[in-house]
C-alpha atoms as a PDB file:
ATOM      1  CA  MET A   1     -18.971 119.254  42.444  1.00  0.00           C
ATOM      2  CA  ASN A   2     -16.769 119.086  45.792  1.00  0.00           C
ATOM      3  CA  PHE A   3     -20.330 119.022  47.479  1.00  0.00           C
ATOM      4  CA  LEU A   4     -21.182 115.992  45.135  1.00  0.00           C
ATOM      5  CA  LYS A   5     -17.829 114.216  45.862  1.00  0.00           C
ATOM      6  CA  LEU A   6     -17.971 114.561  49.678  1.00  0.00           C
ATOM      7  CA  ILE A   7     -21.746 113.183  49.494  1.00  0.00           C
ATOM      8  CA  ARG A   8     -20.875 110.224  46.753  1.00  0.00           C
ATOM      9  CA  TYR A   9     -23.236 111.026  44.947  1.00  0.00           C
ATOM     10  CA  GLN A  10     -22.973 108.249  42.544  1.00  0.00           C
ATOM     11  CA  ASN A  11     -23.910 105.485  45.478  1.00  0.00           C
ATOM     12  CA  LEU A  12     -26.887 107.849  46.346  1.00  0.00           C
ATOM     13  CA  LEU A  13     -28.132 107.513  42.752  1.00  0.00           C
ATOM     14  CA  LEU A  14     -28.155 104.088  42.845  1.00  0.00           C
ATOM     15  CA  LEU A  15     -29.200 103.942  46.395  1.00  0.00           C
ATOM     16  CA  ALA A  16     -32.227 106.406  44.819  1.00  0.00           C
ATOM     17  CA  PHE A  17     -32.806 104.299  41.972  1.00  0.00           C
ATOM     18  CA  MET A  18     -32.781 101.152  43.921  1.00  0.00           C
ATOM     19  CA  GLN A  19     -36.039 102.233  46.119  1.00  0.00           C
ATOM     20  CA  LEU A  20     -37.761 103.775  43.076  1.00  0.00           C
ATOM     21  CA  ILE A  21     -37.453 100.734  40.776  1.00  0.00           C
ATOM     22  CA  PHE A  22     -39.356  98.654  42.994  1.00  0.00           C
ATOM     23  CA  ARG A  23     -42.296 100.751  43.222  1.00  0.00           C
ATOM     24  CA  TYR A  24     -41.836 102.402  39.581  1.00  0.00           C
ATOM     25  CA  GLY A  25     -40.794  99.329  37.819  1.00  0.00           C
ATOM     26  CA  PHE A  26     -42.567  96.734  39.957  1.00  0.00           C
ATOM     27  CA  PHE A  27     -45.688  97.487  42.756  1.00  0.00           C
ATOM     28  CA  LYS A  28     -47.477  99.980  40.122  1.00  0.00           C
ATOM     29  CA  TYR A  29     -48.041  96.970  37.834  1.00  0.00           C
ATOM     30  CA  GLN A  30     -48.704  94.658  40.359  1.00  0.00           C
ATOM     31  CA  ASN A  31     -52.657  96.060  41.330  1.00  0.00           C
ATOM     32  CA  ILE A  32     -51.639  96.050  44.891  1.00  0.00           C
ATOM     33  CA  PRO A  33     -52.331  98.847  47.198  1.00  0.00           C
ATOM     34  CA  LEU A  34     -49.772 100.894  48.410  1.00  0.00           C
ATOM     35  CA  ALA A  35     -50.009 103.056  52.030  1.00  0.00           C
ATOM     36  CA  LEU A  36     -48.004 106.233  50.668  1.00  0.00           C
ATOM     37  CA  ALA A  37     -48.970 108.415  47.497  1.00  0.00           C
ATOM     38  CA  ASP A  38     -46.187 108.943  44.711  1.00  0.00           C
ATOM     39  CA  TRP A  39     -45.012 112.377  46.896  1.00  0.00           C
ATOM     40  CA  GLN A  40     -44.817 110.630  50.207  1.00  0.00           C
ATOM     41  CA  TYR A  41     -42.289 107.705  48.599  1.00  0.00           C
ATOM     42  CA  ASN A  42     -40.179 110.070  46.839  1.00  0.00           C
ATOM     43  CA  LEU A  43     -39.686 111.639  50.197  1.00  0.00           C
ATOM     44  CA  LEU A  44     -39.302 108.545  51.785  1.00  0.00           C
ATOM     45  CA  VAL A  45     -36.415 107.610  48.822  1.00  0.00           C
ATOM     46  CA  LEU A  46     -35.333 111.501  49.768  1.00  0.00           C
ATOM     47  CA  SER A  47     -34.891 110.790  53.418  1.00  0.00           C
ATOM     48  CA  THR A  48     -33.571 107.635  53.281  1.00  0.00           C
ATOM     49  CA  VAL A  49     -30.391 109.460  50.385  1.00  0.00           C
ATOM     50  CA  LEU A  50     -30.007 112.367  52.862  1.00  0.00           C
ATOM     51  CA  ILE A  51     -29.340 110.459  55.821  1.00  0.00           C
ATOM     52  CA  ALA A  52     -26.879 107.870  53.819  1.00  0.00           C
ATOM     53  CA  ALA A  53     -25.219 111.454  52.366  1.00  0.00           C
ATOM     54  CA  GLY A  54     -25.227 112.696  55.821  1.00  0.00           C
ATOM     55  CA  GLY A  55     -22.922 109.419  56.644  1.00  0.00           C
ATOM     56  CA  TYR A  56     -20.831 109.383  53.589  1.00  0.00           C
ATOM     57  CA  VAL A  57     -20.317 112.852  55.046  1.00  0.00           C
ATOM     58  CA  ILE A  58     -19.267 111.877  58.229  1.00  0.00           C
ATOM     59  CA  ASN A  59     -17.630 109.363  57.450  1.00  0.00           C
ATOM     60  CA  ASN A  60     -15.145 111.208  55.147  1.00  0.00           C
ATOM     61  CA  ILE A  61     -14.411 113.531  58.266  1.00  0.00           C
ATOM     62  CA  PHE A  62     -12.914 110.700  60.077  1.00  0.00           C
ATOM     63  CA  ASP A  63     -11.294 109.393  57.164  1.00  0.00           C
ATOM     64  CA  GLN A  64      -9.280 112.306  56.274  1.00  0.00           C
ATOM     65  CA  ASP A  65      -5.834 110.847  57.238  1.00  0.00           C
ATOM     66  CA  THR A  66      -6.233 107.304  55.518  1.00  0.00           C
ATOM     67  CA  ASP A  67      -7.849 108.761  52.483  1.00  0.00           C
ATOM     68  CA  LEU A  68      -4.991 110.797  52.084  1.00  0.00           C
ATOM     69  CA  ILE A  69      -2.837 107.401  51.615  1.00  0.00           C
ATOM     70  CA  ASN A  70      -5.667 105.499  49.845  1.00  0.00           C
ATOM     71  CA  ASN A  71      -7.049 108.173  47.998  1.00  0.00           C
ATOM     72  CA  PRO A  72      -5.140 111.694  47.663  1.00  0.00           C
ATOM     73  CA  LYS A  73      -6.804 112.833  44.872  1.00  0.00           C
ATOM     74  CA  ASN A  74     -10.194 112.578  46.369  1.00  0.00           C
ATOM     75  CA  VAL A  75      -9.554 114.022  49.309  1.00  0.00           C
ATOM     76  CA  ILE A  76     -12.485 117.070  50.200  1.00  0.00           C
ATOM     77  CA  VAL A  77     -12.511 117.430  54.182  1.00  0.00           C
ATOM     78  CA  GLY A  78      -9.772 119.717  55.308  1.00  0.00           C
ATOM     79  CA  ALA A  79      -8.679 120.780  51.467  1.00  0.00           C
ATOM     80  CA  SER A  80     -11.624 122.150  49.517  1.00  0.00           C
ATOM     81  CA  ILE A  81     -13.933 121.938  52.269  1.00  0.00           C
ATOM     82  CA  SER A  82     -13.232 122.621  55.810  1.00  0.00           C
ATOM     83  CA  GLU A  83     -13.762 120.022  58.330  1.00  0.00           C
ATOM     84  CA  THR A  84     -16.233 122.413  60.725  1.00  0.00           C
ATOM     85  CA  HIS A  85     -18.083 123.186  57.288  1.00  0.00           C
ATOM     86  CA  ALA A  86     -17.934 119.449  56.702  1.00  0.00           C
ATOM     87  CA  TYR A  87     -19.797 119.058  60.480  1.00  0.00           C
ATOM     88  CA  ASN A  88     -22.434 121.268  59.699  1.00  0.00           C
ATOM     89  CA  ILE A  89     -23.343 119.750  56.171  1.00  0.00           C
ATOM     90  CA  TYR A  90     -23.388 116.569  57.800  1.00  0.00           C
ATOM     91  CA  LEU A  91     -25.991 117.397  60.904  1.00  0.00           C
ATOM     92  CA  ALA A  92     -28.559 119.320  58.136  1.00  0.00           C
ATOM     93  CA  LEU A  93     -28.569 116.236  55.861  1.00  0.00           C
ATOM     94  CA  THR A  94     -28.968 114.015  58.668  1.00  0.00           C
ATOM     95  CA  SER A  95     -31.444 116.478  60.631  1.00  0.00           C
ATOM     96  CA  ILE A  96     -33.886 116.924  57.686  1.00  0.00           C
ATOM     97  CA  GLY A  97     -33.866 113.193  56.792  1.00  0.00           C
ATOM     98  CA  VAL A  98     -34.603 112.192  60.580  1.00  0.00           C
ATOM     99  CA  ALA A  99     -37.368 114.973  60.250  1.00  0.00           C
ATOM    100  CA  MET A 100     -38.643 113.327  56.764  1.00  0.00           C
ATOM    101  CA  GLY A 101     -38.880 109.853  58.821  1.00  0.00           C
ATOM    102  CA  PHE A 102     -40.707 111.276  61.530  1.00  0.00           C
ATOM    103  CA  TYR A 103     -43.066 112.929  59.180  1.00  0.00           C
ATOM    104  CA  LEU A 104     -43.710 109.632  57.005  1.00  0.00           C
ATOM    105  CA  SER A 105     -43.978 107.385  59.994  1.00  0.00           C
ATOM    106  CA  ASN A 106     -47.018 109.184  61.462  1.00  0.00           C
ATOM    107  CA  VAL A 107     -48.505 109.476  57.669  1.00  0.00           C
ATOM    108  CA  ILE A 108     -48.662 105.931  58.217  1.00  0.00           C
ATOM    109  CA  GLU A 109     -49.693 105.911  61.659  1.00  0.00           C
ATOM    110  CA  LYS A 110     -46.957 104.499  63.047  1.00  0.00           C
ATOM    111  CA  PRO A 111     -45.269 107.254  64.664  1.00  0.00           C
ATOM    112  CA  GLY A 112     -42.838 104.177  66.256  1.00  0.00           C
ATOM    113  CA  PHE A 113     -41.456 103.683  63.180  1.00  0.00           C
ATOM    114  CA  ALA A 114     -39.540 106.841  63.611  1.00  0.00           C
ATOM    115  CA  ALA A 115     -36.779 105.330  65.637  1.00  0.00           C
ATOM    116  CA  ILE A 116     -36.254 103.107  62.080  1.00  0.00           C
ATOM    117  CA  PHE A 117     -34.571 106.577  60.789  1.00  0.00           C
ATOM    118  CA  ILE A 118     -32.870 107.439  64.219  1.00  0.00           C
ATOM    119  CA  LEU A 119     -30.903 104.004  64.439  1.00  0.00           C
ATOM    120  CA  ILE A 120     -29.925 103.974  60.578  1.00  0.00           C
ATOM    121  CA  ALA A 121     -28.234 107.646  60.891  1.00  0.00           C
ATOM    122  CA  ALA A 122     -27.281 106.376  64.793  1.00  0.00           C
ATOM    123  CA  THR A 123     -25.441 103.519  63.420  1.00  0.00           C
ATOM    124  CA  LEU A 124     -24.097 105.660  60.518  1.00  0.00           C
ATOM    125  CA  TYR A 125     -22.281 107.893  62.878  1.00  0.00           C
ATOM    126  CA  LEU A 126     -20.909 104.897  65.092  1.00  0.00           C
ATOM    127  CA  TYR A 127     -19.881 103.364  61.928  1.00  0.00           C
ATOM    128  CA  ALA A 128     -17.411 106.387  60.788  1.00  0.00           C
ATOM    129  CA  THR A 129     -16.238 106.479  64.431  1.00  0.00           C
ATOM    130  CA  SER A 130     -15.819 102.915  65.885  1.00  0.00           C
ATOM    131  CA  LEU A 131     -17.588 100.240  63.954  1.00  0.00           C
ATOM    132  CA  LYS A 132     -15.236 100.698  60.785  1.00  0.00           C
ATOM    133  CA  GLN A 133     -12.016  99.690  62.898  1.00  0.00           C
ATOM    134  CA  MET A 134     -13.504  96.513  63.586  1.00  0.00           C
ATOM    135  CA  MET A 135     -12.424  93.678  61.579  1.00  0.00           C
ATOM    136  CA  LEU A 136     -15.186  92.500  59.379  1.00  0.00           C
ATOM    137  CA  ILE A 137     -18.350  94.169  61.619  1.00  0.00           C
ATOM    138  CA  GLY A 138     -17.867  97.455  59.507  1.00  0.00           C
ATOM    139  CA  ASN A 139     -18.074  95.696  56.249  1.00  0.00           C
ATOM    140  CA  ILE A 140     -21.643  93.692  57.787  1.00  0.00           C
ATOM    141  CA  VAL A 141     -22.879  97.158  59.087  1.00  0.00           C
ATOM    142  CA  VAL A 142     -22.263  98.642  55.892  1.00  0.00           C
ATOM    143  CA  ALA A 143     -24.059  95.507  54.063  1.00  0.00           C
ATOM    144  CA  LEU A 144     -26.931  95.278  56.210  1.00  0.00           C
ATOM    145  CA  LEU A 145     -27.565  99.095  55.710  1.00  0.00           C
ATOM    146  CA  LEU A 146     -28.038  98.795  52.083  1.00  0.00           C
ATOM    147  CA  SER A 147     -29.857  95.954  52.223  1.00  0.00           C
ATOM    148  CA  PHE A 148     -32.365  97.715  54.774  1.00  0.00           C
ATOM    149  CA  SER A 149     -33.096 100.374  52.039  1.00  0.00           C
ATOM    150  CA  VAL A 150     -35.026  97.694  49.938  1.00  0.00           C
ATOM    151  CA  ILE A 151     -36.748  96.209  53.003  1.00  0.00           C
ATOM    152  CA  ILE A 152     -37.850  99.562  54.291  1.00  0.00           C
ATOM    153  CA  VAL A 153     -39.838  99.881  51.437  1.00  0.00           C
ATOM    154  CA  GLY A 154     -41.951  96.885  52.319  1.00  0.00           C
ATOM    155  CA  ILE A 155     -41.923  98.464  56.056  1.00  0.00           C
ATOM    156  CA  PHE A 156     -43.401 102.094  54.520  1.00  0.00           C
ATOM    157  CA  ASP A 157     -45.242 101.033  51.666  1.00  0.00           C
ATOM    158  CA  LEU A 158     -46.818  97.845  51.959  1.00  0.00           C
ATOM    159  CA  PHE A 159     -47.099  96.857  55.403  1.00  0.00           C
ATOM    160  CA  PRO A 160     -49.517  99.703  56.877  1.00  0.00           C
ATOM    161  CA  ALA A 161     -51.811  98.553  53.762  1.00  0.00           C
ATOM    162  CA  THR A 162     -51.862  94.976  54.277  1.00  0.00           C
ATOM    163  CA  THR A 163     -55.351  93.462  55.350  1.00  0.00           C
ATOM    164  CA  SER A 164     -56.251  90.346  56.543  1.00  0.00           C
ATOM    165  CA  GLU A 165     -57.601  89.808  52.915  1.00  0.00           C
ATOM    166  CA  ASN A 166     -54.574  90.662  51.055  1.00  0.00           C
ATOM    167  CA  GLN A 167     -52.202  89.361  53.649  1.00  0.00           C
ATOM    168  CA  GLN A 168     -50.968  86.484  51.683  1.00  0.00           C
ATOM    169  CA  GLN A 169     -50.167  88.304  48.282  1.00  0.00           C
ATOM    170  CA  MET A 170     -48.480  91.055  49.800  1.00  0.00           C
ATOM    171  CA  GLY A 171     -46.267  88.601  51.753  1.00  0.00           C
ATOM    172  CA  ILE A 172     -45.419  87.196  48.338  1.00  0.00           C
ATOM    173  CA  PHE A 173     -44.110  90.616  47.237  1.00  0.00           C
ATOM    174  CA  PHE A 174     -42.754  91.516  51.036  1.00  0.00           C
ATOM    175  CA  SER A 175     -40.899  87.758  50.358  1.00  0.00           C
ATOM    176  CA  MET A 176     -39.319  89.521  47.356  1.00  0.00           C
ATOM    177  CA  LEU A 177     -38.672  92.698  48.738  1.00  0.00           C
ATOM    178  CA  LEU A 178     -35.860  89.856  51.229  1.00  0.00           C
ATOM    179  CA  ASP A 179     -34.956  87.908  48.726  1.00  0.00           C
ATOM    180  CA  PHE A 180     -33.007  91.075  46.867  1.00  0.00           C
ATOM    181  CA  ALA A 181     -32.305  92.750  50.054  1.00  0.00           C
ATOM    182  CA  ILE A 182     -29.852  89.223  50.890  1.00  0.00           C
ATOM    183  CA  PHE A 183     -28.495  89.670  47.270  1.00  0.00           C
ATOM    184  CA  ALA A 184     -27.669  93.188  47.840  1.00  0.00           C
ATOM    185  CA  PHE A 185     -26.256  92.323  51.478  1.00  0.00           C
ATOM    186  CA  ILE A 186     -24.035  89.257  49.855  1.00  0.00           C
ATOM    187  CA  ILE A 187     -22.751  91.630  46.596  1.00  0.00           C
ATOM    188  CA  ASN A 188     -22.181  94.557  48.955  1.00  0.00           C
ATOM    189  CA  LEU A 189     -20.243  92.378  51.858  1.00  0.00           C
ATOM    190  CA  LEU A 190     -17.901  91.044  49.138  1.00  0.00           C
ATOM    191  CA  ARG A 191     -17.799  94.852  47.723  1.00  0.00           C
ATOM    192  CA  GLU A 192     -16.704  96.026  50.679  1.00  0.00           C
ATOM    193  CA  ILE A 193     -13.898  93.503  51.666  1.00  0.00           C
ATOM    194  CA  THR A 194     -12.363  94.343  48.036  1.00  0.00           C
ATOM    195  CA  LYS A 195     -12.863  98.024  48.894  1.00  0.00           C
ATOM    196  CA  ASP A 196     -10.504  97.056  51.990  1.00  0.00           C
ATOM    197  CA  ILE A 197      -8.427  94.521  50.443  1.00  0.00           C
ATOM    198  CA  GLU A 198      -7.453  97.708  47.503  1.00  0.00           C
ATOM    199  CA  ASP A 199      -7.261 100.202  50.711  1.00  0.00           C
ATOM    200  CA  PHE A 200      -4.473  97.653  52.535  1.00  0.00           C
ATOM    201  CA  GLU A 201      -1.707 100.095  52.534  1.00  0.00           C
ATOM    202  CA  GLY A 202      -3.584 103.218  53.781  1.00  0.00           C
ATOM    203  CA  ASP A 203      -5.199 101.242  56.215  1.00  0.00           C
ATOM    204  CA  HIS A 204      -2.221  99.457  57.554  1.00  0.00           C
ATOM    205  CA  ASN A 205      -0.268 102.295  58.210  1.00  0.00           C
ATOM    206  CA  GLN A 206      -3.306 104.028  59.865  1.00  0.00           C
ATOM    207  CA  GLY A 207      -3.079 100.819  62.710  1.00  0.00           C
ATOM    208  CA  MET A 208      -6.552  99.331  61.566  1.00  0.00           C
ATOM    209  CA  THR A 209      -7.350  95.639  61.724  1.00  0.00           C
ATOM    210  CA  THR A 210      -9.404  95.348  58.570  1.00  0.00           C
ATOM    211  CA  PHE A 211     -10.356  91.723  57.472  1.00  0.00           C
ATOM    212  CA  PRO A 212      -7.390  91.826  54.779  1.00  0.00           C
ATOM    213  CA  ILE A 213      -4.993  93.219  57.452  1.00  0.00           C
ATOM    214  CA  PHE A 214      -5.969  90.242  59.473  1.00  0.00           C
ATOM    215  CA  VAL A 215      -5.536  87.601  57.891  1.00  0.00           C
ATOM    216  CA  GLY A 216      -3.285  88.638  54.787  1.00  0.00           C
ATOM    217  CA  GLU A 217      -3.726  90.545  51.259  1.00  0.00           C
ATOM    218  CA  GLU A 218      -3.530  87.266  49.751  1.00  0.00           C
ATOM    219  CA  LYS A 219      -5.726  84.766  52.039  1.00  0.00           C
ATOM    220  CA  ALA A 220      -8.589  87.867  51.264  1.00  0.00           C
ATOM    221  CA  THR A 221      -8.514  87.856  48.277  1.00  0.00           C
ATOM    222  CA  LYS A 222      -8.797  83.735  47.776  1.00  0.00           C
ATOM    223  CA  ILE A 223     -11.625  83.672  50.569  1.00  0.00           C
ATOM    224  CA  VAL A 224     -13.697  86.870  48.272  1.00  0.00           C
ATOM    225  CA  PHE A 225     -12.930  84.056  45.702  1.00  0.00           C
ATOM    226  CA  ALA A 226     -15.000  81.870  47.693  1.00  0.00           C
ATOM    227  CA  LEU A 227     -17.804  83.360  48.906  1.00  0.00           C
ATOM    228  CA  SER A 228     -18.585  85.209  45.308  1.00  0.00           C
ATOM    229  CA  PHE A 229     -19.535  81.689  44.965  1.00  0.00           C
ATOM    230  CA  ILE A 230     -22.800  82.195  46.907  1.00  0.00           C
ATOM    231  CA  PRO A 231     -24.499  84.979  44.619  1.00  0.00           C
ATOM    232  CA  LEU A 232     -23.864  82.776  41.809  1.00  0.00           C
ATOM    233  CA  ILE A 233     -25.249  79.694  42.965  1.00  0.00           C
ATOM    234  CA  LEU A 234     -28.291  81.576  44.944  1.00  0.00           C
ATOM    235  CA  VAL A 235     -29.284  83.800  41.255  1.00  0.00           C
ATOM    236  CA  ILE A 236     -29.149  80.376  39.538  1.00  0.00           C
ATOM    237  CA  TYR A 237     -31.430  78.578  41.925  1.00  0.00           C
ATOM    238  CA  TYR A 238     -33.501  81.740  41.768  1.00  0.00           C
ATOM    239  CA  ILE A 239     -34.011  81.484  38.137  1.00  0.00           C
ATOM    240  CA  ASN A 240     -34.394  77.344  38.235  1.00  0.00           C
ATOM    241  CA  ARG A 241     -37.276  77.559  41.229  1.00  0.00           C
ATOM    242  CA  TYR A 242     -38.782  80.786  39.948  1.00  0.00           C
ATOM    243  CA  LEU A 243     -38.080  82.477  36.872  1.00  0.00           C
ATOM    244  CA  LEU A 244     -38.218  79.688  34.239  1.00  0.00           C
ATOM    245  CA  ASP A 245     -41.215  80.458  32.776  1.00  0.00           C
ATOM    246  CA  LEU A 246     -40.172  83.913  32.486  1.00  0.00           C
ATOM    247  CA  LEU A 247     -37.633  83.908  28.838  1.00  0.00           C
ATOM    248  CA  PHE A 248     -36.486  87.317  29.283  1.00  0.00           C
ATOM    249  CA  VAL A 249     -35.526  87.598  32.720  1.00  0.00           C
ATOM    250  CA  THR A 250     -33.563  84.379  32.490  1.00  0.00           C
ATOM    251  CA  ILE A 251     -31.737  85.436  29.598  1.00  0.00           C
ATOM    252  CA  TYR A 252     -31.204  89.027  31.407  1.00  0.00           C
ATOM    253  CA  LEU A 253     -29.996  87.441  34.570  1.00  0.00           C
ATOM    254  CA  LEU A 254     -27.542  85.079  32.833  1.00  0.00           C
ATOM    255  CA  LEU A 255     -26.452  87.871  30.652  1.00  0.00           C
ATOM    256  CA  PHE A 256     -26.086  90.660  32.932  1.00  0.00           C
ATOM    257  CA  VAL A 257     -25.723  89.318  36.655  1.00  0.00           C
ATOM    258  CA  CYS A 258     -24.159  85.694  36.084  1.00  0.00           C
ATOM    259  CA  GLY A 259     -21.870  86.752  33.278  1.00  0.00           C
ATOM    260  CA  PRO A 260     -20.407  90.098  35.448  1.00  0.00           C
ATOM    261  CA  LEU A 261     -20.085  87.169  38.540  1.00  0.00           C
ATOM    262  CA  LEU A 262     -17.893  84.759  36.941  1.00  0.00           C
ATOM    263  CA  VAL A 263     -15.845  87.619  34.934  1.00  0.00           C
ATOM    264  CA  PHE A 264     -15.812  88.882  39.199  1.00  0.00           C
ATOM    265  CA  ILE A 265     -14.902  84.975  39.842  1.00  0.00           C
ATOM    266  CA  LEU A 266     -12.092  84.372  37.372  1.00  0.00           C
ATOM    267  CA  LYS A 267     -10.342  87.932  37.977  1.00  0.00           C
ATOM    268  CA  ILE A 268      -9.833  87.957  41.842  1.00  0.00           C
ATOM    269  CA  TRP A 269      -8.480  85.192  42.100  1.00  0.00           C
ATOM    270  CA  ASN A 270      -5.387  86.229  40.215  1.00  0.00           C
ATOM    271  CA  ALA A 271      -6.018  89.713  41.383  1.00  0.00           C
ATOM    272  CA  LYS A 272      -2.468  91.692  42.816  1.00  0.00           C
ATOM    273  CA  SER A 273      -2.801  95.574  42.310  1.00  0.00           C
ATOM    274  CA  LYS A 274      -4.656  98.488  43.615  1.00  0.00           C
ATOM    275  CA  GLN A 275      -6.072  99.264  39.934  1.00  0.00           C
ATOM    276  CA  GLN A 276      -7.171  95.224  39.843  1.00  0.00           C
ATOM    277  CA  PHE A 277      -9.043  95.440  43.038  1.00  0.00           C
ATOM    278  CA  HIS A 278     -10.245  98.932  42.388  1.00  0.00           C
ATOM    279  CA  PHE A 279     -11.973  98.046  39.196  1.00  0.00           C
ATOM    280  CA  LEU A 280     -13.684  94.434  41.048  1.00  0.00           C
ATOM    281  CA  SER A 281     -15.106  96.427  43.171  1.00  0.00           C
ATOM    282  CA  PHE A 282     -16.710  98.636  40.688  1.00  0.00           C
ATOM    283  CA  LEU A 283     -17.994  95.612  38.694  1.00  0.00           C
ATOM    284  CA  LEU A 284     -19.600  94.613  41.890  1.00  0.00           C
ATOM    285  CA  LYS A 285     -21.431  97.728  41.996  1.00  0.00           C
ATOM    286  CA  LEU A 286     -22.639  97.345  38.560  1.00  0.00           C
ATOM    287  CA  ILE A 287     -23.951  93.910  39.546  1.00  0.00           C
ATOM    288  CA  LEU A 288     -25.887  95.338  41.989  1.00  0.00           C
ATOM    289  CA  PHE A 289     -27.670  97.819  39.628  1.00  0.00           C
ATOM    290  CA  PHE A 290     -28.054  95.021  37.151  1.00  0.00           C
ATOM    291  CA  GLY A 291     -29.440  92.885  40.111  1.00  0.00           C
ATOM    292  CA  ILE A 292     -31.512  95.599  40.819  1.00  0.00           C
ATOM    293  CA  LEU A 293     -33.001  96.381  37.831  1.00  0.00           C
ATOM    294  CA  SER A 294     -34.229  93.096  37.394  1.00  0.00           C
ATOM    295  CA  VAL A 295     -37.109  94.299  38.992  1.00  0.00           C
ATOM    296  CA  ALA A 296     -38.298  95.587  36.329  1.00  0.00           C
ATOM    297  CA  VAL A 297     -37.358  93.648  33.939  1.00  0.00           C
ATOM    298  CA  ILE A 298     -39.332  90.613  35.740  1.00  0.00           C
ATOM    299  CA  SER A 299     -42.414  93.231  35.825  1.00  0.00           C
ATOM    300  CA  PHE A 300     -42.256  93.869  32.155  1.00  0.00           C
ATOM    301  CA  ASN A 301     -41.695  89.978  31.365  1.00  0.00           C
ATOM    302  CA  MET A 302     -44.912  88.777  33.563  1.00  0.00           C
ATOM    303  CA  LYS A 303     -46.843  91.786  31.506  1.00  0.00           C
ATOM    304  CA  TYR A 304     -45.115  90.408  28.181  1.00  0.00           C
ATOM    305  CA  ASN A 305     -46.564  86.893  28.965  1.00  0.00           C
ATOM    306  CA  ASP A 306     -49.907  87.927  29.579  1.00  0.00           C
END
């Protein structure tokens, strides 16, 4: 159980779910060629998960002092798992994940794409060691990495199967991936800042310069409040522009994405306590989950309409 906490398995499950839902909840029903066999695609998911798990481990290693203040009950490194053992786990997870990436890059005959996995692993290491301490940079990096885990699906499963004959069709699906990646980026950026507000005390005691520390806790809260209208407006625009003919999808998004976003907006305005910000962070994770699940709802609704 300590190992699962160390790698933050809940976040990894969400990451895996996000990638699996695009293939098995949508692309498989669209009558388009896919570059990877099922087991190879699952290997892509596993590779992404392992590299992300390594990122969580190295982050926990460098966050020991801060976690003692912010989350004393959840401290793993230095308590139930030694720092040396944690480093070994990090190296194993990251190495295996990158090696899988090398293999998959050769499968699609794009060996240069292996650099993507190296770059992701290196960025996660830099985040834990230095980028995290740079105001907003760390937040943006984490949000970008999550959104890129959506885009990588297109890079490895759609792009290699794209030909001059199906280029327009594949372009539509790649564009859809980009839309979801943008949504994931915005929601996760809001969540990262919200978590920084939640961890204000511990980060301040460690001399970190997070966004809430720089502008002040109250001002940061109001900025998150203002920014949270962006995904709400974008989802409503997206429904109006593309999805009004899909009744189930429209109802689903209004109830399970727009609804929780409205709850977040209402609650963030008056949020003060650590517990309130913790709940709001969890709420954003739920919004991300339901947002990604909408891919399968779109697929179902399209099939139902046919």
